[in-house]
Amino acid sequence: MDLEYLLIDVFTDRPFGGSRLYFFADGQNVPEDLMQKVAMELGAGETAFLVPAKTSGNDRAGLRVFTPAAESPFGGHSVLGATFALDHLNMRHDSSDAGSFRWELEAGNFNVITSVEDDRRLFSLIQDAPVFLGQYFHRGKVARTLGIPEEEIAITGLPCEVISTGLPIHIVPLSTLEAVENITLRRRDADAIARDLGFGDLFVFTCETVHPDSTVHCRMFAPHFGIPEDPASGAATGALVAYLVKHRLVKPNPRIRVISEQGLEMGRPSRLVAEAEISNGQARAITVGGHCVLVGSGKICIP
């Protein structure tokens, strides 16, 4: 069996930035255990396999997403990169390039909208309505996990909070850009948080940014998915938009736009573009998008 793939960088407009995605356009007959082995061998944050949709229609397809450690029910940059890949391979059969394309994943159905920004295609994922799952009151555990003083969290006056717009995300506010840059994740302490919440992954942000057009500077640590650090996190950014609106960290305009910079500490700079409507003090109709770049292609040979 020969498995051909595309290597795509997502949430960036230049090669070797954003999140790497290995996309396999012919995943229909690939066994699940082989999908996992391939994802582990390639080692990217996400590896995606195109499979048939369970429902009929030219505007939809199925997708299975694997991290090096396990299958994921949802992958933000996978669905964006996969939409880009279908366009590149002329496999997208919906009636309009600007139309919505539906992806069927284990976690449900997710729609990607294609638009144009700066003469480049921008692929944006429509996120679920935010669900606020509760605050996490153990700031000391969080600080120890990040290897920073607890005061860097406390001084913000903001809570650590779990929010889902598709996947539960533990959002951690920090006071300064320097504090975010100085994080050293401690896996054993992350395991302690996992015993409390069921997962030990942390999405850290500050409103101090490197680039003047950015709204927030972020880092994502997902050790329990086999990802020490993720350079770009679509699902987490959607949850962060809901957090920013809830805690009045953005102007309460009817429609907002949030630019998130991520991956700078890893040498893989990412730019995520999020938009939302605000109604009754909450974010609605959240989308998170970015550009994609084809970096390469190849073939896995299975004896």
C-alpha atoms as a PDB file:
ATOM      1  CA  MET A   1       0.000   0.000   0.000  1.00  0.00           C
ATOM      2  CA  ASP A   2       1.319   3.433  -0.980  1.00  0.00           C
ATOM      3  CA  LEU A   3      -0.177   6.376   0.884  1.00  0.00           C
ATOM      4  CA  GLU A   4       0.359   9.772  -0.760  1.00  0.00           C
ATOM      5  CA  TYR A   5       0.224  12.901   1.347  1.00  0.00           C
ATOM      6  CA  LEU A   6       0.470  16.677   1.218  1.00  0.00           C
ATOM      7  CA  LEU A   7       2.424  18.614   3.827  1.00  0.00           C
ATOM      8  CA  ILE A   8       0.579  21.858   4.591  1.00  0.00           C
ATOM      9  CA  ASP A   9       1.344  24.710   6.963  1.00  0.00           C
ATOM     10  CA  VAL A  10      -1.884  26.147   8.403  1.00  0.00           C
ATOM     11  CA  PHE A  11      -2.479  29.563   9.985  1.00  0.00           C
ATOM     12  CA  THR A  12       0.425  31.148   8.131  1.00  0.00           C
ATOM     13  CA  ASP A  13       1.160  32.859   4.815  1.00  0.00           C
ATOM     14  CA  ARG A  14       4.725  31.535   4.532  1.00  0.00           C
ATOM     15  CA  PRO A  15       6.387  28.112   4.655  1.00  0.00           C
ATOM     16  CA  PHE A  16       7.649  26.762   7.984  1.00  0.00           C
ATOM     17  CA  GLY A  17       5.184  28.774  10.041  1.00  0.00           C
ATOM     18  CA  GLY A  18       1.896  27.834  11.651  1.00  0.00           C
ATOM     19  CA  SER A  19       0.838  24.257  12.345  1.00  0.00           C
ATOM     20  CA  ARG A  20       2.057  21.355  10.229  1.00  0.00           C
ATOM     21  CA  LEU A  21      -0.585  19.068   8.758  1.00  0.00           C
ATOM     22  CA  TYR A  22      -0.026  15.836   6.890  1.00  0.00           C
ATOM     23  CA  PHE A  23      -3.103  15.257   4.738  1.00  0.00           C
ATOM     24  CA  PHE A  24      -3.905  11.908   3.099  1.00  0.00           C
ATOM     25  CA  ALA A  25      -6.517  12.257   0.370  1.00  0.00           C
ATOM     26  CA  ASP A  26      -7.232   8.528   0.120  1.00  0.00           C
ATOM     27  CA  GLY A  27      -7.978   7.315   3.615  1.00  0.00           C
ATOM     28  CA  GLN A  28     -11.029   5.215   2.830  1.00  0.00           C
ATOM     29  CA  ASN A  29      -9.285   1.837   2.993  1.00  0.00           C
ATOM     30  CA  VAL A  30      -6.615   2.656   5.566  1.00  0.00           C
ATOM     31  CA  PRO A  31      -7.108   0.687   8.813  1.00  0.00           C
ATOM     32  CA  GLU A  32      -7.433   2.722  11.988  1.00  0.00           C
ATOM     33  CA  ASP A  33      -4.342   1.206  13.596  1.00  0.00           C
ATOM     34  CA  LEU A  34      -2.297   2.095  10.513  1.00  0.00           C
ATOM     35  CA  MET A  35      -3.592   5.666  10.605  1.00  0.00           C
ATOM     36  CA  GLN A  36      -2.311   5.938  14.165  1.00  0.00           C
ATOM     37  CA  LYS A  37       1.065   4.427  13.307  1.00  0.00           C
ATOM     38  CA  VAL A  38       1.492   6.833  10.386  1.00  0.00           C
ATOM     39  CA  ALA A  39       0.606   9.807  12.598  1.00  0.00           C
ATOM     40  CA  MET A  40       3.119   8.668  15.217  1.00  0.00           C
ATOM     41  CA  GLU A  41       5.809   8.142  12.563  1.00  0.00           C
ATOM     42  CA  LEU A  42       5.313  11.567  10.979  1.00  0.00           C
ATOM     43  CA  GLY A  43       5.142  13.298  14.365  1.00  0.00           C
ATOM     44  CA  ALA A  44       3.121  16.366  13.415  1.00  0.00           C
ATOM     45  CA  GLY A  45       0.556  17.833  15.766  1.00  0.00           C
ATOM     46  CA  GLU A  46      -2.199  16.527  13.510  1.00  0.00           C
ATOM     47  CA  THR A  47      -2.383  14.043  10.639  1.00  0.00           C
ATOM     48  CA  ALA A  48      -5.682  13.864   8.751  1.00  0.00           C
ATOM     49  CA  PHE A  49      -7.216  11.226   6.489  1.00  0.00           C
ATOM     50  CA  LEU A  50      -9.996  11.974   4.003  1.00  0.00           C
ATOM     51  CA  VAL A  51     -12.826   9.426   4.257  1.00  0.00           C
ATOM     52  CA  PRO A  52     -16.303   9.286   2.709  1.00  0.00           C
ATOM     53  CA  ALA A  53     -19.030  11.374   4.296  1.00  0.00           C
ATOM     54  CA  LYS A  54     -21.847   9.535   6.021  1.00  0.00           C
ATOM     55  CA  THR A  55     -24.401  11.772   4.315  1.00  0.00           C
ATOM     56  CA  SER A  56     -24.660  12.499   0.610  1.00  0.00           C
ATOM     57  CA  GLY A  57     -23.745  15.826  -0.988  1.00  0.00           C
ATOM     58  CA  ASN A  58     -20.990  17.485  -2.981  1.00  0.00           C
ATOM     59  CA  ASP A  59     -20.382  20.052  -0.256  1.00  0.00           C
ATOM     60  CA  ARG A  60     -19.160  17.652   2.427  1.00  0.00           C
ATOM     61  CA  ALA A  61     -16.604  14.971   3.278  1.00  0.00           C
ATOM     62  CA  GLY A  62     -15.463  12.916   6.236  1.00  0.00           C
ATOM     63  CA  LEU A  63     -12.192  13.445   8.090  1.00  0.00           C
ATOM     64  CA  ARG A  64     -10.308  11.448  10.718  1.00  0.00           C
ATOM     65  CA  VAL A  65      -7.683  13.308  12.726  1.00  0.00           C
ATOM     66  CA  PHE A  66      -4.796  11.773  14.664  1.00  0.00           C
ATOM     67  CA  THR A  67      -2.170  13.238  16.963  1.00  0.00           C
ATOM     68  CA  PRO A  68       1.010  11.214  17.551  1.00  0.00           C
ATOM     69  CA  ALA A  69      -0.633   9.724  20.648  1.00  0.00           C
ATOM     70  CA  ALA A  70      -4.313   9.206  19.813  1.00  0.00           C
ATOM     71  CA  GLU A  71      -7.208   9.918  17.497  1.00  0.00           C
ATOM     72  CA  SER A  72      -8.747  13.328  18.129  1.00  0.00           C
ATOM     73  CA  PRO A  73     -12.496  13.859  17.769  1.00  0.00           C
ATOM     74  CA  PHE A  74     -11.827  17.290  16.286  1.00  0.00           C
ATOM     75  CA  GLY A  75      -8.920  19.205  14.774  1.00  0.00           C
ATOM     76  CA  GLY A  76      -9.145  22.908  14.059  1.00  0.00           C
ATOM     77  CA  HIS A  77      -6.216  23.256  11.704  1.00  0.00           C
ATOM     78  CA  SER A  78      -6.961  19.863  10.134  1.00  0.00           C
ATOM     79  CA  VAL A  79     -10.302  20.935   8.706  1.00  0.00           C
ATOM     80  CA  LEU A  80      -8.836  24.184   7.375  1.00  0.00           C
ATOM     81  CA  GLY A  81      -5.806  22.491   5.843  1.00  0.00           C
ATOM     82  CA  ALA A  82      -7.991  19.738   4.404  1.00  0.00           C
ATOM     83  CA  THR A  83     -10.216  22.315   2.683  1.00  0.00           C
ATOM     84  CA  PHE A  84      -7.115  23.951   1.218  1.00  0.00           C
ATOM     85  CA  ALA A  85      -5.917  20.516   0.071  1.00  0.00           C
ATOM     86  CA  LEU A  86      -9.180  19.741  -1.706  1.00  0.00           C
ATOM     87  CA  ASP A  87      -8.871  23.024  -3.597  1.00  0.00           C
ATOM     88  CA  HIS A  88      -5.254  22.251  -4.492  1.00  0.00           C
ATOM     89  CA  LEU A  89      -6.175  18.764  -5.752  1.00  0.00           C
ATOM     90  CA  ASN A  90      -9.329  19.991  -7.555  1.00  0.00           C
ATOM     91  CA  MET A  91     -11.360  17.606  -5.421  1.00  0.00           C
ATOM     92  CA  ARG A  92     -13.783  20.143  -4.017  1.00  0.00           C
ATOM     93  CA  HIS A  93     -17.037  19.888  -5.937  1.00  0.00           C
ATOM     94  CA  ASP A  94     -19.241  22.461  -4.232  1.00  0.00           C
ATOM     95  CA  SER A  95     -20.656  25.117  -6.513  1.00  0.00           C
ATOM     96  CA  SER A  96     -18.647  28.108  -5.299  1.00  0.00           C
ATOM     97  CA  ASP A  97     -15.103  28.680  -4.052  1.00  0.00           C
ATOM     98  CA  ALA A  98     -16.573  31.073  -1.504  1.00  0.00           C
ATOM     99  CA  GLY A  99     -19.135  28.552  -0.295  1.00  0.00           C
ATOM    100  CA  SER A 100     -19.288  26.677   2.971  1.00  0.00           C
ATOM    101  CA  PHE A 101     -17.847  23.162   3.045  1.00  0.00           C
ATOM    102  CA  ARG A 102     -18.953  20.664   5.682  1.00  0.00           C
ATOM    103  CA  TRP A 103     -16.599  18.240   7.397  1.00  0.00           C
ATOM    104  CA  GLU A 104     -17.906  15.226   9.289  1.00  0.00           C
ATOM    105  CA  LEU A 105     -15.704  14.337  12.269  1.00  0.00           C
ATOM    106  CA  GLU A 106     -16.173  12.186  15.333  1.00  0.00           C
ATOM    107  CA  ALA A 107     -17.122  15.277  17.370  1.00  0.00           C
ATOM    108  CA  GLY A 108     -19.780  16.340  14.860  1.00  0.00           C
ATOM    109  CA  ASN A 109     -20.173  18.385  11.700  1.00  0.00           C
ATOM    110  CA  PHE A 110     -18.048  21.493  11.138  1.00  0.00           C
ATOM    111  CA  ASN A 111     -18.348  24.087   8.384  1.00  0.00           C
ATOM    112  CA  VAL A 112     -15.434  25.916   6.758  1.00  0.00           C
ATOM    113  CA  ILE A 113     -15.992  29.193   4.914  1.00  0.00           C
ATOM    114  CA  THR A 114     -13.587  30.380   2.217  1.00  0.00           C
ATOM    115  CA  SER A 115     -13.059  34.118   1.729  1.00  0.00           C
ATOM    116  CA  VAL A 116     -10.293  36.359   0.393  1.00  0.00           C
ATOM    117  CA  GLU A 117      -7.973  38.533   2.501  1.00  0.00           C
ATOM    118  CA  ASP A 118      -4.929  40.328   1.056  1.00  0.00           C
ATOM    119  CA  ASP A 119      -5.453  38.510  -2.265  1.00  0.00           C
ATOM    120  CA  ARG A 120      -5.109  35.133  -0.550  1.00  0.00           C
ATOM    121  CA  ARG A 121      -7.706  32.595   0.403  1.00  0.00           C
ATOM    122  CA  LEU A 122      -8.654  32.677   4.071  1.00  0.00           C
ATOM    123  CA  PHE A 123     -10.172  29.475   5.445  1.00  0.00           C
ATOM    124  CA  SER A 124     -12.363  29.993   8.507  1.00  0.00           C
ATOM    125  CA  LEU A 125     -14.000  27.412  10.742  1.00  0.00           C
ATOM    126  CA  ILE A 126     -17.451  28.081  12.157  1.00  0.00           C
ATOM    127  CA  GLN A 127     -17.214  27.123  15.834  1.00  0.00           C
ATOM    128  CA  ASP A 128     -19.869  25.806  18.175  1.00  0.00           C
ATOM    129  CA  ALA A 129     -21.651  28.210  20.497  1.00  0.00           C
ATOM    130  CA  PRO A 130     -19.482  28.692  23.600  1.00  0.00           C
ATOM    131  CA  VAL A 131     -20.149  26.553  26.646  1.00  0.00           C
ATOM    132  CA  PHE A 132     -18.683  27.825  29.931  1.00  0.00           C
ATOM    133  CA  LEU A 133     -17.673  24.743  31.903  1.00  0.00           C
ATOM    134  CA  GLY A 134     -16.415  26.440  35.042  1.00  0.00           C
ATOM    135  CA  GLN A 135     -13.451  28.203  36.600  1.00  0.00           C
ATOM    136  CA  TYR A 136     -10.380  26.403  37.902  1.00  0.00           C
ATOM    137  CA  PHE A 137      -9.488  27.863  41.278  1.00  0.00           C
ATOM    138  CA  HIS A 138      -6.069  26.242  41.814  1.00  0.00           C
ATOM    139  CA  ARG A 139      -3.848  29.027  40.476  1.00  0.00           C
ATOM    140  CA  GLY A 140      -0.878  27.622  42.373  1.00  0.00           C
ATOM    141  CA  LYS A 141      -1.079  24.338  40.472  1.00  0.00           C
ATOM    142  CA  VAL A 142      -1.333  26.188  37.177  1.00  0.00           C
ATOM    143  CA  ALA A 143       1.631  28.419  37.997  1.00  0.00           C
ATOM    144  CA  ARG A 144       3.786  25.448  39.030  1.00  0.00           C
ATOM    145  CA  THR A 145       2.857  23.649  35.815  1.00  0.00           C
ATOM    146  CA  LEU A 146       3.981  26.673  33.787  1.00  0.00           C
ATOM    147  CA  GLY A 147       7.087  27.271  35.894  1.00  0.00           C
ATOM    148  CA  ILE A 148       6.159  30.874  36.706  1.00  0.00           C
ATOM    149  CA  PRO A 149       5.260  32.829  39.868  1.00  0.00           C
ATOM    150  CA  GLU A 150       1.594  32.627  40.832  1.00  0.00           C
ATOM    151  CA  GLU A 151       1.489  36.438  40.882  1.00  0.00           C
ATOM    152  CA  GLU A 152       1.742  36.482  37.072  1.00  0.00           C
ATOM    153  CA  ILE A 153      -1.769  35.015  36.997  1.00  0.00           C
ATOM    154  CA  ALA A 154      -3.201  36.711  40.080  1.00  0.00           C
ATOM    155  CA  ILE A 155      -2.237  40.238  38.982  1.00  0.00           C
ATOM    156  CA  THR A 156      -4.513  40.008  35.938  1.00  0.00           C
ATOM    157  CA  GLY A 157      -7.597  39.777  38.134  1.00  0.00           C
ATOM    158  CA  LEU A 158      -8.927  37.197  35.695  1.00  0.00           C
ATOM    159  CA  PRO A 159      -9.844  33.555  36.294  1.00  0.00           C
ATOM    160  CA  CYS A 160      -8.451  30.375  34.836  1.00  0.00           C
ATOM    161  CA  GLU A 161     -11.505  29.013  33.059  1.00  0.00           C
ATOM    162  CA  VAL A 162     -12.571  26.038  30.952  1.00  0.00           C
ATOM    163  CA  ILE A 163     -14.609  26.948  27.863  1.00  0.00           C
ATOM    164  CA  SER A 164     -15.633  24.878  24.857  1.00  0.00           C
ATOM    165  CA  THR A 165     -16.480  25.925  21.319  1.00  0.00           C
ATOM    166  CA  GLY A 166     -15.982  22.345  20.146  1.00  0.00           C
ATOM    167  CA  LEU A 167     -13.426  21.037  22.639  1.00  0.00           C
ATOM    168  CA  PRO A 168     -12.907  21.972  26.312  1.00  0.00           C
ATOM    169  CA  ILE A 169     -10.024  24.444  26.605  1.00  0.00           C
ATOM    170  CA  HIS A 170      -8.369  25.504  29.862  1.00  0.00           C
ATOM    171  CA  ILE A 171      -7.621  29.219  29.394  1.00  0.00           C
ATOM    172  CA  VAL A 172      -4.951  30.837  31.556  1.00  0.00           C
ATOM    173  CA  PRO A 173      -4.398  34.634  31.611  1.00  0.00           C
ATOM    174  CA  LEU A 174      -0.911  36.034  32.231  1.00  0.00           C
ATOM    175  CA  SER A 175       0.045  39.615  32.925  1.00  0.00           C
ATOM    176  CA  THR A 176       2.923  40.189  30.519  1.00  0.00           C
ATOM    177  CA  LEU A 177       4.507  39.032  27.307  1.00  0.00           C
ATOM    178  CA  GLU A 178       7.697  38.292  29.232  1.00  0.00           C
ATOM    179  CA  ALA A 179       5.841  35.915  31.535  1.00  0.00           C
ATOM    180  CA  VAL A 180       4.400  34.004  28.579  1.00  0.00           C
ATOM    181  CA  GLU A 181       7.807  33.788  26.906  1.00  0.00           C
ATOM    182  CA  ASN A 182       9.402  32.442  30.120  1.00  0.00           C
ATOM    183  CA  ILE A 183       7.073  29.451  30.512  1.00  0.00           C
ATOM    184  CA  THR A 184       8.701  26.083  31.145  1.00  0.00           C
ATOM    185  CA  LEU A 185       6.066  23.363  31.211  1.00  0.00           C
ATOM    186  CA  ARG A 186       6.328  20.778  33.986  1.00  0.00           C
ATOM    187  CA  ARG A 187       4.658  17.562  32.888  1.00  0.00           C
ATOM    188  CA  ARG A 188       4.248  16.092  36.379  1.00  0.00           C
ATOM    189  CA  ASP A 189       2.306  19.148  37.519  1.00  0.00           C
ATOM    190  CA  ALA A 190       0.231  19.026  34.314  1.00  0.00           C
ATOM    191  CA  ASP A 191      -0.685  15.473  35.318  1.00  0.00           C
ATOM    192  CA  ALA A 192      -2.009  16.832  38.626  1.00  0.00           C
ATOM    193  CA  ILE A 193      -4.287  19.256  36.753  1.00  0.00           C
ATOM    194  CA  ALA A 194      -5.406  16.376  34.527  1.00  0.00           C
ATOM    195  CA  ARG A 195      -6.544  14.472  37.599  1.00  0.00           C
ATOM    196  CA  ASP A 196      -8.738  17.447  38.523  1.00  0.00           C
ATOM    197  CA  LEU A 197     -10.153  18.307  35.097  1.00  0.00           C
ATOM    198  CA  GLY A 198      -9.740  15.165  33.035  1.00  0.00           C
ATOM    199  CA  PHE A 199      -7.098  16.855  30.878  1.00  0.00           C
ATOM    200  CA  GLY A 200      -3.925  18.796  31.641  1.00  0.00           C
ATOM    201  CA  ASP A 201      -3.645  20.965  28.550  1.00  0.00           C
ATOM    202  CA  LEU A 202      -3.237  24.733  28.964  1.00  0.00           C
ATOM    203  CA  PHE A 203      -3.923  27.642  26.612  1.00  0.00           C
ATOM    204  CA  VAL A 204      -2.067  30.699  27.899  1.00  0.00           C
ATOM    205  CA  PHE A 205      -2.562  34.256  26.682  1.00  0.00           C
ATOM    206  CA  THR A 206      -1.612  37.854  27.350  1.00  0.00           C
ATOM    207  CA  CYS A 207      -2.878  41.090  25.846  1.00  0.00           C
ATOM    208  CA  GLU A 208       0.728  42.274  25.378  1.00  0.00           C
ATOM    209  CA  THR A 209       1.785  41.392  21.840  1.00  0.00           C
ATOM    210  CA  VAL A 210       4.859  41.354  19.608  1.00  0.00           C
ATOM    211  CA  HIS A 211       3.088  42.628  16.501  1.00  0.00           C
ATOM    212  CA  PRO A 212       1.119  45.878  16.766  1.00  0.00           C
ATOM    213  CA  ASP A 213      -1.851  44.557  14.768  1.00  0.00           C
ATOM    214  CA  SER A 214      -2.295  41.538  17.077  1.00  0.00           C
ATOM    215  CA  THR A 215      -4.887  41.436  19.857  1.00  0.00           C
ATOM    216  CA  VAL A 216      -3.410  38.629  21.957  1.00  0.00           C
ATOM    217  CA  HIS A 217      -0.208  36.602  22.244  1.00  0.00           C
ATOM    218  CA  CYS A 218      -0.792  32.909  22.976  1.00  0.00           C
ATOM    219  CA  ARG A 219       0.883  29.589  23.691  1.00  0.00           C
ATOM    220  CA  MET A 220      -0.782  26.157  23.760  1.00  0.00           C
ATOM    221  CA  PHE A 221       0.582  23.182  25.718  1.00  0.00           C
ATOM    222  CA  ALA A 222      -1.061  19.806  25.052  1.00  0.00           C
ATOM    223  CA  PRO A 223       1.183  17.105  26.560  1.00  0.00           C
ATOM    224  CA  HIS A 224      -1.679  14.676  27.048  1.00  0.00           C
ATOM    225  CA  PHE A 225      -2.264  14.630  23.284  1.00  0.00           C
ATOM    226  CA  GLY A 226       1.425  14.008  22.648  1.00  0.00           C
ATOM    227  CA  ILE A 227       2.008  17.668  21.711  1.00  0.00           C
ATOM    228  CA  PRO A 228       4.452  19.453  24.049  1.00  0.00           C
ATOM    229  CA  GLU A 229       3.518  22.771  22.397  1.00  0.00           C
ATOM    230  CA  ASP A 230       1.196  23.617  19.511  1.00  0.00           C
ATOM    231  CA  PRO A 231       2.207  26.540  17.248  1.00  0.00           C
ATOM    232  CA  ALA A 232      -1.393  27.381  16.258  1.00  0.00           C
ATOM    233  CA  SER A 233      -4.647  26.330  17.918  1.00  0.00           C
ATOM    234  CA  GLY A 234      -7.935  26.997  16.139  1.00  0.00           C
ATOM    235  CA  ALA A 235     -10.316  25.432  18.645  1.00  0.00           C
ATOM    236  CA  ALA A 236      -8.537  27.092  21.559  1.00  0.00           C
ATOM    237  CA  THR A 237      -8.694  30.489  19.849  1.00  0.00           C
ATOM    238  CA  GLY A 238     -12.461  30.160  19.498  1.00  0.00           C
ATOM    239  CA  ALA A 239     -12.766  29.493  23.215  1.00  0.00           C
ATOM    240  CA  LEU A 240     -10.467  32.439  23.919  1.00  0.00           C
ATOM    241  CA  VAL A 241     -12.725  34.782  21.923  1.00  0.00           C
ATOM    242  CA  ALA A 242     -15.624  33.751  24.152  1.00  0.00           C
ATOM    243  CA  TYR A 243     -13.419  34.398  27.203  1.00  0.00           C
ATOM    244  CA  LEU A 244     -12.341  37.845  25.964  1.00  0.00           C
ATOM    245  CA  VAL A 245     -15.931  38.900  25.393  1.00  0.00           C
ATOM    246  CA  LYS A 246     -17.203  37.514  28.702  1.00  0.00           C
ATOM    247  CA  HIS A 247     -14.510  39.330  30.692  1.00  0.00           C
ATOM    248  CA  ARG A 248     -14.754  42.566  28.645  1.00  0.00           C
ATOM    249  CA  LEU A 249     -11.236  42.444  27.259  1.00  0.00           C
ATOM    250  CA  VAL A 250     -12.435  43.589  23.832  1.00  0.00           C
ATOM    251  CA  LYS A 251     -14.675  46.499  22.891  1.00  0.00           C
ATOM    252  CA  PRO A 252     -18.348  45.447  22.987  1.00  0.00           C
ATOM    253  CA  ASN A 253     -19.051  46.223  19.340  1.00  0.00           C
ATOM    254  CA  PRO A 254     -21.795  44.278  17.564  1.00  0.00           C
ATOM    255  CA  ARG A 255     -19.075  42.448  15.610  1.00  0.00           C
ATOM    256  CA  ILE A 256     -15.458  41.998  16.691  1.00  0.00           C
ATOM    257  CA  ARG A 257     -12.228  40.836  15.077  1.00  0.00           C
ATOM    258  CA  VAL A 258      -9.414  39.285  17.112  1.00  0.00           C
ATOM    259  CA  ILE A 259      -5.931  38.621  15.744  1.00  0.00           C
ATOM    260  CA  SER A 260      -3.988  36.015  17.696  1.00  0.00           C
ATOM    261  CA  GLU A 261      -0.233  35.561  17.351  1.00  0.00           C
ATOM    262  CA  GLN A 262       1.112  32.165  18.384  1.00  0.00           C
ATOM    263  CA  GLY A 263       4.100  29.918  17.791  1.00  0.00           C
ATOM    264  CA  LEU A 264       6.713  32.678  17.972  1.00  0.00           C
ATOM    265  CA  GLU A 265       8.605  30.983  20.793  1.00  0.00           C
ATOM    266  CA  MET A 266       8.804  27.830  18.645  1.00  0.00           C
ATOM    267  CA  GLY A 267      10.120  29.599  15.562  1.00  0.00           C
ATOM    268  CA  ARG A 268       6.848  28.816  13.747  1.00  0.00           C
ATOM    269  CA  PRO A 269       4.971  32.135  13.737  1.00  0.00           C
ATOM    270  CA  SER A 270       1.215  31.853  13.305  1.00  0.00           C
ATOM    271  CA  ARG A 271      -1.578  34.348  12.669  1.00  0.00           C
ATOM    272  CA  LEU A 272      -5.133  33.355  13.511  1.00  0.00           C
ATOM    273  CA  VAL A 273      -8.033  35.574  12.489  1.00  0.00           C
ATOM    274  CA  ALA A 274     -11.152  35.259  14.652  1.00  0.00           C
ATOM    275  CA  GLU A 275     -14.465  37.056  14.296  1.00  0.00           C
ATOM    276  CA  ALA A 276     -17.634  36.974  16.342  1.00  0.00           C
ATOM    277  CA  GLU A 277     -20.911  38.730  16.959  1.00  0.00           C
ATOM    278  CA  ILE A 278     -21.713  40.002  20.449  1.00  0.00           C
ATOM    279  CA  SER A 279     -25.210  39.611  21.835  1.00  0.00           C
ATOM    280  CA  ASN A 280     -26.184  40.111  25.474  1.00  0.00           C
ATOM    281  CA  GLY A 281     -22.558  40.230  26.509  1.00  0.00           C
ATOM    282  CA  GLN A 282     -21.609  36.908  24.921  1.00  0.00           C
ATOM    283  CA  ALA A 283     -19.796  35.937  21.736  1.00  0.00           C
ATOM    284  CA  ARG A 284     -21.904  34.296  19.054  1.00  0.00           C
ATOM    285  CA  ALA A 285     -21.220  32.966  15.562  1.00  0.00           C
ATOM    286  CA  ILE A 286     -17.495  32.613  16.270  1.00  0.00           C
ATOM    287  CA  THR A 287     -15.215  31.842  13.332  1.00  0.00           C
ATOM    288  CA  VAL A 288     -11.467  31.191  13.438  1.00  0.00           C
ATOM    289  CA  GLY A 289      -9.414  31.185  10.263  1.00  0.00           C
ATOM    290  CA  GLY A 290      -6.076  31.575   8.605  1.00  0.00           C
ATOM    291  CA  HIS A 291      -4.097  31.151   5.427  1.00  0.00           C
ATOM    292  CA  CYS A 292      -2.508  27.886   4.283  1.00  0.00           C
ATOM    293  CA  VAL A 293       0.717  27.112   2.432  1.00  0.00           C
ATOM    294  CA  LEU A 294       1.650  23.925   0.580  1.00  0.00           C
ATOM    295  CA  VAL A 295       5.138  22.950   1.726  1.00  0.00           C
ATOM    296  CA  GLY A 296       5.623  19.572   0.106  1.00  0.00           C
ATOM    297  CA  SER A 297       4.259  16.154  -0.827  1.00  0.00           C
ATOM    298  CA  GLY A 298       5.375  12.565  -0.466  1.00  0.00           C
ATOM    299  CA  LYS A 299       4.471   8.914  -0.122  1.00  0.00           C
ATOM    300  CA  ILE A 300       4.436   6.402   2.720  1.00  0.00           C
ATOM    301  CA  CYS A 301       5.224   2.895   1.465  1.00  0.00           C
ATOM    302  CA  ILE A 302       3.603   0.070   3.449  1.00  0.00           C
ATOM    303  CA  PRO A 303       5.079  -3.383   2.613  1.00  0.00           C
END
